[in-house]
Amino acid sequence: MWLGDEKTLHKKETRKVKEVLSEPAKVRIGKSGLSEGIMNEIRKFLEREGVVKVKILKTALKELEVNEVATEVSRKLNAEVIDVRGHTFTLKRRK
């Protein structure tokens, strides 16, 4: 499910997003949930790469849905949710 608008992305950004979508997830959220360490790790990837793919393990999804976790992370880190597929979501740094 594509949540962004392709027309708002520049060619370079679109290429980077497509690269990240085809790669394995860089960050995994486990049973400890959205700890400060996980948030810092996602923040580092966003600052360095601009785009990060995050996988939520089943043990972390006891009470929340993937969309809820993605929305919460994007709100806390001032990022934009680009894609949600299964237990994986992709974030892009806001300008």
Protein backbone atom coordinates (compact mmCIF):
# COMPACT_ATOMS: atom_id res chain seq x y z
CA MET A 1 0.00 0.00 0.00
CA TRP A 2 1.62 3.24 -1.17
CA LEU A 3 0.87 6.07 1.26
CA GLY A 4 2.87 8.83 -0.39
CA ASP A 5 2.26 10.68 -3.62
CA GLU A 6 4.84 9.86 -6.28
CA LYS A 7 4.45 13.31 -7.80
CA THR A 8 5.75 14.92 -4.61
CA LEU A 9 9.04 12.99 -4.80
CA HIS A 10 11.90 14.12 -6.99
CA LYS A 11 13.56 11.63 -9.32
CA LYS A 12 16.49 11.15 -6.97
CA GLU A 13 14.18 10.54 -4.00
CA THR A 14 12.02 8.12 -5.99
CA ARG A 15 15.11 6.11 -6.96
CA LYS A 16 16.28 5.97 -3.32
CA VAL A 17 12.83 4.87 -2.10
CA LYS A 18 12.66 2.11 -4.71
CA GLU A 19 16.14 0.91 -3.70
CA VAL A 20 15.16 0.73 -0.04
CA LEU A 21 11.89 -1.07 -0.84
CA SER A 22 13.80 -3.83 -2.62
CA GLU A 23 16.35 -4.28 0.21
CA PRO A 24 15.84 -6.16 3.48
CA ALA A 25 14.73 -4.13 6.51
CA LYS A 26 17.54 -2.21 8.23
CA VAL A 27 15.89 -1.97 11.66
CA ARG A 28 13.83 -4.59 13.50
CA ILE A 29 11.42 -3.83 16.32
CA GLY A 30 11.31 -6.77 18.73
CA LYS A 31 9.50 -7.67 21.93
CA SER A 32 10.98 -4.67 23.76
CA GLY A 33 8.84 -2.49 21.46
CA LEU A 34 9.62 1.11 20.63
CA SER A 35 12.46 1.61 23.06
CA GLU A 36 14.66 4.69 23.05
CA GLY A 37 17.47 2.66 21.45
CA ILE A 38 15.27 1.60 18.53
CA MET A 39 14.06 5.17 18.02
CA ASN A 40 17.67 6.42 18.01
CA GLU A 41 18.63 3.74 15.47
CA ILE A 42 15.78 4.74 13.14
CA ARG A 43 16.68 8.43 13.61
CA LYS A 44 20.32 7.72 12.62
CA PHE A 45 19.25 5.91 9.44
CA LEU A 46 16.88 8.74 8.52
CA GLU A 47 19.59 11.36 9.01
CA ARG A 48 22.20 9.36 7.10
CA GLU A 49 20.14 7.75 4.32
CA GLY A 50 16.93 9.78 4.22
CA VAL A 51 14.87 6.58 3.94
CA VAL A 52 14.70 3.53 6.24
CA LYS A 53 12.84 0.23 6.11
CA VAL A 54 11.64 -1.13 9.47
CA LYS A 55 10.32 -4.62 10.24
CA ILE A 56 8.12 -5.33 13.25
CA LEU A 57 8.52 -8.83 14.64
CA LYS A 58 5.35 -10.71 15.62
CA THR A 59 6.30 -10.57 19.31
CA ALA A 60 6.03 -6.77 19.21
CA LEU A 61 2.55 -6.79 17.66
CA LYS A 62 0.55 -8.05 20.63
CA GLU A 63 -1.49 -4.90 21.20
CA LEU A 64 -0.78 -2.63 18.23
CA GLU A 65 -1.21 -2.87 14.47
CA VAL A 66 1.59 -2.15 12.00
CA ASN A 67 -0.10 1.06 10.82
CA GLU A 68 -0.35 2.34 14.39
CA VAL A 69 3.33 1.66 15.07
CA ALA A 70 4.36 3.28 11.76
CA THR A 71 2.26 6.36 12.50
CA GLU A 72 3.66 6.68 16.03
CA VAL A 73 7.28 6.36 14.86
CA SER A 74 6.75 8.87 12.04
CA ARG A 75 5.13 11.35 14.43
CA LYS A 76 7.93 11.06 17.01
CA LEU A 77 10.71 11.35 14.43
CA ASN A 78 9.03 13.90 12.15
CA ALA A 79 9.14 11.47 9.23
CA GLU A 80 6.68 10.40 6.55
CA VAL A 81 5.31 6.86 6.11
CA ILE A 82 5.93 5.88 2.50
CA ASP A 83 4.90 2.22 2.40
CA VAL A 84 3.35 -0.45 4.63
CA ARG A 85 3.53 -4.11 3.57
CA GLY A 86 2.81 -6.92 5.98
CA HIS A 87 4.89 -6.33 9.12
CA THR A 88 7.25 -3.91 7.37
CA PHE A 89 7.01 -0.16 6.84
CA THR A 90 9.22 2.41 5.13
CA LEU A 91 9.86 5.93 6.41
CA LYS A 92 11.20 8.99 4.59
CA ARG A 93 12.73 12.03 6.26
CA ARG A 94 10.60 15.16 5.98
CA LYS A 95 12.19 18.26 4.53
